[in-house]
Amino acid sequence: MSGRGLGDRKGIEQITKTWDKTVVDRSAQLETWVDYLQPMTRRGVTIFAYATNHYSGHSPDTVKLFREFWDKKA
């Protein structure tokens, strides 16, 4: 995941301009970020994670998937 889940605007806009569904599977990247970030929260670090539609095509789905991975590994 690019630092804040911003994605590749030009690349994703070549695939979609409707932003109503995920068009790029970022599961592997999101799971990697969860693995990286969870130990930090255990040390008391507050994490703010952001995602735009340009990351996978639909930011609500990106956030939902991130939370699912987070909760599964908690």
PDB file of N, CA and C in Angstrom:
ATOM      1  N   MET A   1       0.855  -1.167   0.000  1.00  0.00           N
ATOM      2  CA  MET A   1       0.000   0.000   0.000  1.00  0.00           C
ATOM      3  C   MET A   1       0.896   1.222   0.000  1.00  0.00           C
ATOM      4  N   SER A   2       0.640   2.123  -0.906  1.00  0.00           N
ATOM      5  CA  SER A   2       1.388   3.363  -0.816  1.00  0.00           C
ATOM      6  C   SER A   2       1.051   3.986   0.529  1.00  0.00           C
ATOM      7  N   GLY A   3       1.969   4.658   1.137  1.00  0.00           N
ATOM      8  CA  GLY A   3       1.888   5.153   2.502  1.00  0.00           C
ATOM      9  C   GLY A   3       0.517   5.328   3.104  1.00  0.00           C
ATOM     10  N   ARG A   4      -0.390   5.970   2.404  1.00  0.00           N
ATOM     11  CA  ARG A   4      -1.699   6.221   2.981  1.00  0.00           C
ATOM     12  C   ARG A   4      -2.814   5.592   2.157  1.00  0.00           C
ATOM     13  N   GLY A   5      -2.535   4.643   1.329  1.00  0.00           N
ATOM     14  CA  GLY A   5      -3.572   4.018   0.525  1.00  0.00           C
ATOM     15  C   GLY A   5      -4.136   4.956  -0.523  1.00  0.00           C
ATOM     16  N   LEU A   6      -3.276   5.806  -1.063  1.00  0.00           N
ATOM     17  CA  LEU A   6      -3.747   6.770  -2.044  1.00  0.00           C
ATOM     18  C   LEU A   6      -3.837   6.171  -3.436  1.00  0.00           C
ATOM     19  N   GLY A   7      -2.966   5.244  -3.754  1.00  0.00           N
ATOM     20  CA  GLY A   7      -3.031   4.554  -5.032  1.00  0.00           C
ATOM     21  C   GLY A   7      -2.475   5.344  -6.195  1.00  0.00           C
ATOM     22  N   ASP A   8      -2.712   4.804  -7.376  1.00  0.00           N
ATOM     23  CA  ASP A   8      -2.224   5.353  -8.639  1.00  0.00           C
ATOM     24  C   ASP A   8      -3.406   5.969  -9.378  1.00  0.00           C
ATOM     25  N   ARG A   9      -3.571   7.272  -9.244  1.00  0.00           N
ATOM     26  CA  ARG A   9      -4.743   7.946  -9.807  1.00  0.00           C
ATOM     27  C   ARG A   9      -4.891   7.696 -11.305  1.00  0.00           C
ATOM     28  N   LYS A  10      -3.837   7.908 -12.062  1.00  0.00           N
ATOM     29  CA  LYS A  10      -3.925   7.730 -13.517  1.00  0.00           C
ATOM     30  C   LYS A  10      -4.210   6.284 -13.881  1.00  0.00           C
ATOM     31  N   GLY A  11      -3.546   5.363 -13.194  1.00  0.00           N
ATOM     32  CA  GLY A  11      -3.741   3.952 -13.494  1.00  0.00           C
ATOM     33  C   GLY A  11      -5.155   3.484 -13.196  1.00  0.00           C
ATOM     34  N   ILE A  12      -5.694   3.867 -12.060  1.00  0.00           N
ATOM     35  CA  ILE A  12      -7.035   3.411 -11.688  1.00  0.00           C
ATOM     36  C   ILE A  12      -8.094   4.102 -12.548  1.00  0.00           C
ATOM     37  N   GLU A  13      -7.848   5.358 -12.948  1.00  0.00           N
ATOM     38  CA  GLU A  13      -8.820   6.054 -13.795  1.00  0.00           C
ATOM     39  C   GLU A  13      -8.857   5.509 -15.215  1.00  0.00           C
ATOM     40  N   GLN A  14      -7.835   4.731 -15.615  1.00  0.00           N
ATOM     41  CA  GLN A  14      -7.883   4.038 -16.894  1.00  0.00           C
ATOM     42  C   GLN A  14      -8.822   2.830 -16.816  1.00  0.00           C
ATOM     43  N   ILE A  15      -9.057   2.341 -15.605  1.00  0.00           N
ATOM     44  CA  ILE A  15      -9.911   1.172 -15.390  1.00  0.00           C
ATOM     45  C   ILE A  15     -11.348   1.594 -15.092  1.00  0.00           C
ATOM     46  N   THR A  16     -11.517   2.640 -14.298  1.00  0.00           N
ATOM     47  CA  THR A  16     -12.864   3.045 -13.873  1.00  0.00           C
ATOM     48  C   THR A  16     -12.919   4.532 -13.590  1.00  0.00           C
ATOM     49  N   LYS A  17     -14.120   5.061 -13.655  1.00  0.00           N
ATOM     50  CA  LYS A  17     -14.389   6.429 -13.227  1.00  0.00           C
ATOM     51  C   LYS A  17     -15.684   6.480 -12.418  1.00  0.00           C
ATOM     52  N   THR A  18     -16.201   5.314 -12.030  1.00  0.00           N
ATOM     53  CA  THR A  18     -17.479   5.278 -11.325  1.00  0.00           C
ATOM     54  C   THR A  18     -17.335   5.122  -9.821  1.00  0.00           C
ATOM     55  N   TRP A  19     -16.263   4.523  -9.320  1.00  0.00           N
ATOM     56  CA  TRP A  19     -15.948   4.419  -7.894  1.00  0.00           C
ATOM     57  C   TRP A  19     -17.007   3.679  -7.082  1.00  0.00           C
ATOM     58  N   ASP A  20     -17.700   2.745  -7.702  1.00  0.00           N
ATOM     59  CA  ASP A  20     -18.773   2.037  -7.000  1.00  0.00           C
ATOM     60  C   ASP A  20     -18.425   0.604  -6.630  1.00  0.00           C
ATOM     61  N   LYS A  21     -17.231   0.138  -7.001  1.00  0.00           N
ATOM     62  CA  LYS A  21     -16.812  -1.222  -6.663  1.00  0.00           C
ATOM     63  C   LYS A  21     -15.294  -1.323  -6.756  1.00  0.00           C
ATOM     64  N   THR A  22     -14.762  -2.320  -6.091  1.00  0.00           N
ATOM     65  CA  THR A  22     -13.333  -2.592  -6.156  1.00  0.00           C
ATOM     66  C   THR A  22     -12.985  -3.115  -7.540  1.00  0.00           C
ATOM     67  N   VAL A  23     -11.938  -2.566  -8.145  1.00  0.00           N
ATOM     68  CA  VAL A  23     -11.516  -3.018  -9.471  1.00  0.00           C
ATOM     69  C   VAL A  23     -10.085  -3.550  -9.472  1.00  0.00           C
ATOM     70  N   VAL A  24      -9.345  -3.304  -8.397  1.00  0.00           N
ATOM     71  CA  VAL A  24      -7.991  -3.834  -8.246  1.00  0.00           C
ATOM     72  C   VAL A  24      -7.910  -4.511  -6.884  1.00  0.00           C
ATOM     73  N   ASP A  25      -7.539  -5.773  -6.882  1.00  0.00           N
ATOM     74  CA  ASP A  25      -7.441  -6.529  -5.630  1.00  0.00           C
ATOM     75  C   ASP A  25      -6.161  -6.137  -4.893  1.00  0.00           C
ATOM     76  N   ARG A  26      -6.331  -5.485  -3.773  1.00  0.00           N
ATOM     77  CA  ARG A  26      -5.194  -5.061  -2.949  1.00  0.00           C
ATOM     78  C   ARG A  26      -5.106  -5.866  -1.649  1.00  0.00           C
ATOM     79  N   SER A  27      -5.717  -7.023  -1.618  1.00  0.00           N
ATOM     80  CA  SER A  27      -5.756  -7.838  -0.394  1.00  0.00           C
ATOM     81  C   SER A  27      -4.367  -8.114   0.161  1.00  0.00           C
ATOM     82  N   ALA A  28      -3.457  -8.525  -0.692  1.00  0.00           N
ATOM     83  CA  ALA A  28      -2.111  -8.879  -0.223  1.00  0.00           C
ATOM     84  C   ALA A  28      -1.421  -7.677   0.406  1.00  0.00           C
ATOM     85  N   GLN A  29      -1.549  -6.502  -0.219  1.00  0.00           N
ATOM     86  CA  GLN A  29      -0.918  -5.309   0.321  1.00  0.00           C
ATOM     87  C   GLN A  29      -1.554  -4.902   1.649  1.00  0.00           C
ATOM     88  N   LEU A  30      -2.878  -4.968   1.718  1.00  0.00           N
ATOM     89  CA  LEU A  30      -3.561  -4.596   2.959  1.00  0.00           C
ATOM     90  C   LEU A  30      -3.185  -5.526   4.096  1.00  0.00           C
ATOM     91  N   GLU A  31      -3.092  -6.805   3.807  1.00  0.00           N
ATOM     92  CA  GLU A  31      -2.713  -7.757   4.847  1.00  0.00           C
ATOM     93  C   GLU A  31      -1.289  -7.497   5.326  1.00  0.00           C
ATOM     94  N   THR A  32      -0.406  -7.138   4.411  1.00  0.00           N
ATOM     95  CA  THR A  32       0.966  -6.791   4.779  1.00  0.00           C
ATOM     96  C   THR A  32       0.990  -5.576   5.696  1.00  0.00           C
ATOM     97  N   TRP A  33       0.167  -4.569   5.378  1.00  0.00           N
ATOM     98  CA  TRP A  33       0.113  -3.384   6.233  1.00  0.00           C
ATOM     99  C   TRP A  33      -0.430  -3.712   7.611  1.00  0.00           C
ATOM    100  N   VAL A  34      -1.417  -4.585   7.693  1.00  0.00           N
ATOM    101  CA  VAL A  34      -1.951  -4.998   8.995  1.00  0.00           C
ATOM    102  C   VAL A  34      -0.850  -5.686   9.802  1.00  0.00           C
ATOM    103  N   ASP A  35      -0.110  -6.583   9.174  1.00  0.00           N
ATOM    104  CA  ASP A  35       0.989  -7.274   9.857  1.00  0.00           C
ATOM    105  C   ASP A  35       2.032  -6.280  10.372  1.00  0.00           C
ATOM    106  N   TYR A  36       2.266  -5.235   9.617  1.00  0.00           N
ATOM    107  CA  TYR A  36       3.257  -4.222   9.994  1.00  0.00           C
ATOM    108  C   TYR A  36       2.744  -3.308  11.109  1.00  0.00           C
ATOM    109  N   LEU A  37       1.482  -2.925  11.035  1.00  0.00           N
ATOM    110  CA  LEU A  37       0.942  -1.927  11.952  1.00  0.00           C
ATOM    111  C   LEU A  37       0.477  -2.477  13.294  1.00  0.00           C
ATOM    112  N   GLN A  38      -0.015  -3.695  13.344  1.00  0.00           N
ATOM    113  CA  GLN A  38      -0.538  -4.207  14.610  1.00  0.00           C
ATOM    114  C   GLN A  38       0.476  -4.213  15.739  1.00  0.00           C
ATOM    115  N   PRO A  39       1.711  -4.622  15.504  1.00  0.00           N
ATOM    116  CA  PRO A  39       2.677  -4.561  16.614  1.00  0.00           C
ATOM    117  C   PRO A  39       2.887  -3.144  17.142  1.00  0.00           C
ATOM    118  N   MET A  40       2.749  -2.154  16.276  1.00  0.00           N
ATOM    119  CA  MET A  40       2.902  -0.769  16.732  1.00  0.00           C
ATOM    120  C   MET A  40       1.791  -0.391  17.706  1.00  0.00           C
ATOM    121  N   THR A  41       0.581  -0.805  17.422  1.00  0.00           N
ATOM    122  CA  THR A  41      -0.526  -0.463  18.321  1.00  0.00           C
ATOM    123  C   THR A  41      -0.364  -1.153  19.662  1.00  0.00           C
ATOM    124  N   ARG A  42       0.230  -2.330  19.658  1.00  0.00           N
ATOM    125  CA  ARG A  42       0.482  -3.029  20.922  1.00  0.00           C
ATOM    126  C   ARG A  42       1.493  -2.284  21.792  1.00  0.00           C
ATOM    127  N   ARG A  43       2.308  -1.446  21.153  1.00  0.00           N
ATOM    128  CA  ARG A  43       3.276  -0.622  21.890  1.00  0.00           C
ATOM    129  C   ARG A  43       2.699   0.753  22.233  1.00  0.00           C
ATOM    130  N   GLY A  44       1.416   0.942  21.936  1.00  0.00           N
ATOM    131  CA  GLY A  44       0.752   2.187  22.302  1.00  0.00           C
ATOM    132  C   GLY A  44       0.741   3.265  21.233  1.00  0.00           C
ATOM    133  N   VAL A  45       1.188   2.940  20.030  1.00  0.00           N
ATOM    134  CA  VAL A  45       1.197   3.917  18.946  1.00  0.00           C
ATOM    135  C   VAL A  45      -0.203   3.974  18.324  1.00  0.00           C
ATOM    136  N   THR A  46      -0.720   5.172  18.156  1.00  0.00           N
ATOM    137  CA  THR A  46      -2.011   5.352  17.498  1.00  0.00           C
ATOM    138  C   THR A  46      -1.800   5.363  15.991  1.00  0.00           C
ATOM    139  N   ILE A  47      -2.608   4.598  15.282  1.00  0.00           N
ATOM    140  CA  ILE A  47      -2.491   4.486  13.832  1.00  0.00           C
ATOM    141  C   ILE A  47      -3.690   5.164  13.180  1.00  0.00           C
ATOM    142  N   PHE A  48      -3.431   5.988  12.189  1.00  0.00           N
ATOM    143  CA  PHE A  48      -4.474   6.568  11.342  1.00  0.00           C
ATOM    144  C   PHE A  48      -4.234   6.030   9.932  1.00  0.00           C
ATOM    145  N   ALA A  49      -5.184   5.322   9.384  1.00  0.00           N
ATOM    146  CA  ALA A  49      -5.049   4.761   8.036  1.00  0.00           C
ATOM    147  C   ALA A  49      -6.081   5.412   7.128  1.00  0.00           C
ATOM    148  N   TYR A  50      -5.653   5.801   5.948  1.00  0.00           N
ATOM    149  CA  TYR A  50      -6.517   6.476   4.987  1.00  0.00           C
ATOM    150  C   TYR A  50      -6.484   5.717   3.660  1.00  0.00           C
ATOM    151  N   ALA A  51      -7.583   5.736   2.942  1.00  0.00           N
ATOM    152  CA  ALA A  51      -7.629   5.131   1.618  1.00  0.00           C
ATOM    153  C   ALA A  51      -8.538   5.972   0.729  1.00  0.00           C
ATOM    154  N   THR A  52      -8.138   6.142  -0.521  1.00  0.00           N
ATOM    155  CA  THR A  52      -8.968   6.846  -1.488  1.00  0.00           C
ATOM    156  C   THR A  52      -9.492   5.864  -2.523  1.00  0.00           C
ATOM    157  N   ASN A  53     -10.429   6.310  -3.323  1.00  0.00           N
ATOM    158  CA  ASN A  53     -10.945   5.471  -4.406  1.00  0.00           C
ATOM    159  C   ASN A  53      -9.850   5.060  -5.375  1.00  0.00           C
ATOM    160  N   HIS A  54      -8.790   5.848  -5.466  1.00  0.00           N
ATOM    161  CA  HIS A  54      -7.716   5.555  -6.409  1.00  0.00           C
ATOM    162  C   HIS A  54      -6.823   4.395  -5.968  1.00  0.00           C
ATOM    163  N   TYR A  55      -7.042   3.870  -4.799  1.00  0.00           N
ATOM    164  CA  TYR A  55      -6.234   2.739  -4.331  1.00  0.00           C
ATOM    165  C   TYR A  55      -6.715   1.426  -4.939  1.00  0.00           C
ATOM    166  N   SER A  56      -8.019   1.146  -4.838  1.00  0.00           N
ATOM    167  CA  SER A  56      -8.536  -0.108  -5.400  1.00  0.00           C
ATOM    168  C   SER A  56      -9.830   0.091  -6.185  1.00  0.00           C
ATOM    169  N   GLY A  57     -10.320   1.323  -6.237  1.00  0.00           N
ATOM    170  CA  GLY A  57     -11.529   1.609  -6.990  1.00  0.00           C
ATOM    171  C   GLY A  57     -12.723   1.988  -6.146  1.00  0.00           C
ATOM    172  N   HIS A  58     -12.709   1.636  -4.858  1.00  0.00           N
ATOM    173  CA  HIS A  58     -13.849   1.931  -3.978  1.00  0.00           C
ATOM    174  C   HIS A  58     -13.338   1.978  -2.544  1.00  0.00           C
ATOM    175  N   SER A  59     -13.119   3.176  -2.030  1.00  0.00           N
ATOM    176  CA  SER A  59     -12.491   3.300  -0.714  1.00  0.00           C
ATOM    177  C   SER A  59     -13.274   2.633   0.421  1.00  0.00           C
ATOM    178  N   PRO A  60     -14.617   2.648   0.428  1.00  0.00           N
ATOM    179  CA  PRO A  60     -15.307   1.937   1.514  1.00  0.00           C
ATOM    180  C   PRO A  60     -14.968   0.443   1.550  1.00  0.00           C
ATOM    181  N   ASP A  61     -14.824  -0.175   0.377  1.00  0.00           N
ATOM    182  CA  ASP A  61     -14.433  -1.594   0.350  1.00  0.00           C
ATOM    183  C   ASP A  61     -13.009  -1.780   0.863  1.00  0.00           C
ATOM    184  N   THR A  62     -12.124  -0.853   0.543  1.00  0.00           N
ATOM    185  CA  THR A  62     -10.746  -0.935   1.018  1.00  0.00           C
ATOM    186  C   THR A  62     -10.702  -0.883   2.534  1.00  0.00           C
ATOM    187  N   VAL A  63     -11.432   0.059   3.106  1.00  0.00           N
ATOM    188  CA  VAL A  63     -11.468   0.195   4.565  1.00  0.00           C
ATOM    189  C   VAL A  63     -12.085  -1.041   5.200  1.00  0.00           C
ATOM    190  N   LYS A  64     -13.161  -1.549   4.621  1.00  0.00           N
ATOM    191  CA  LYS A  64     -13.819  -2.753   5.152  1.00  0.00           C
ATOM    192  C   LYS A  64     -12.858  -3.945   5.144  1.00  0.00           C
ATOM    193  N   LEU A  65     -12.146  -4.127   4.042  1.00  0.00           N
ATOM    194  CA  LEU A  65     -11.203  -5.245   3.952  1.00  0.00           C
ATOM    195  C   LEU A  65     -10.061  -5.083   4.953  1.00  0.00           C
ATOM    196  N   PHE A  66      -9.550  -3.875   5.097  1.00  0.00           N
ATOM    197  CA  PHE A  66      -8.504  -3.610   6.080  1.00  0.00           C
ATOM    198  C   PHE A  66      -8.994  -3.996   7.477  1.00  0.00           C
ATOM    199  N   ARG A  67     -10.211  -3.570   7.824  1.00  0.00           N
ATOM    200  CA  ARG A  67     -10.777  -3.897   9.153  1.00  0.00           C
ATOM    201  C   ARG A  67     -10.947  -5.399   9.337  1.00  0.00           C
ATOM    202  N   GLU A  68     -11.378  -6.089   8.293  1.00  0.00           N
ATOM    203  CA  GLU A  68     -11.536  -7.545   8.379  1.00  0.00           C
ATOM    204  C   GLU A  68     -10.200  -8.209   8.675  1.00  0.00           C
ATOM    205  N   PHE A  69      -9.157  -7.803   7.962  1.00  0.00           N
ATOM    206  CA  PHE A  69      -7.814  -8.359   8.235  1.00  0.00           C
ATOM    207  C   PHE A  69      -7.361  -7.991   9.637  1.00  0.00           C
ATOM    208  N   TRP A  70      -7.616  -6.761  10.041  1.00  0.00           N
ATOM    209  CA  TRP A  70      -7.213  -6.288  11.360  1.00  0.00           C
ATOM    210  C   TRP A  70      -7.879  -7.122  12.446  1.00  0.00           C
ATOM    211  N   ASP A  71      -9.186  -7.270  12.343  1.00  0.00           N
ATOM    212  CA  ASP A  71      -9.932  -8.008  13.355  1.00  0.00           C
ATOM    213  C   ASP A  71      -9.544  -9.481  13.384  1.00  0.00           C
ATOM    214  N   LYS A  72      -9.289 -10.047  12.231  1.00  0.00           N
ATOM    215  CA  LYS A  72      -8.891 -11.461  12.158  1.00  0.00           C
ATOM    216  C   LYS A  72      -7.560 -11.706  12.852  1.00  0.00           C
ATOM    217  N   LYS A  73      -6.658 -10.735  12.778  1.00  0.00           N
ATOM    218  CA  LYS A  73      -5.308 -10.910  13.335  1.00  0.00           C
ATOM    219  C   LYS A  73      -5.159 -10.333  14.726  1.00  0.00           C
ATOM    220  N   ALA A  74      -6.213  -9.691  15.218  1.00  0.00           N
ATOM    221  CA  ALA A  74      -6.136  -9.058  16.550  1.00  0.00           C
ATOM    222  C   ALA A  74      -6.030 -10.095  17.652  1.00  0.00           C
TER     223      ALA A  74
END
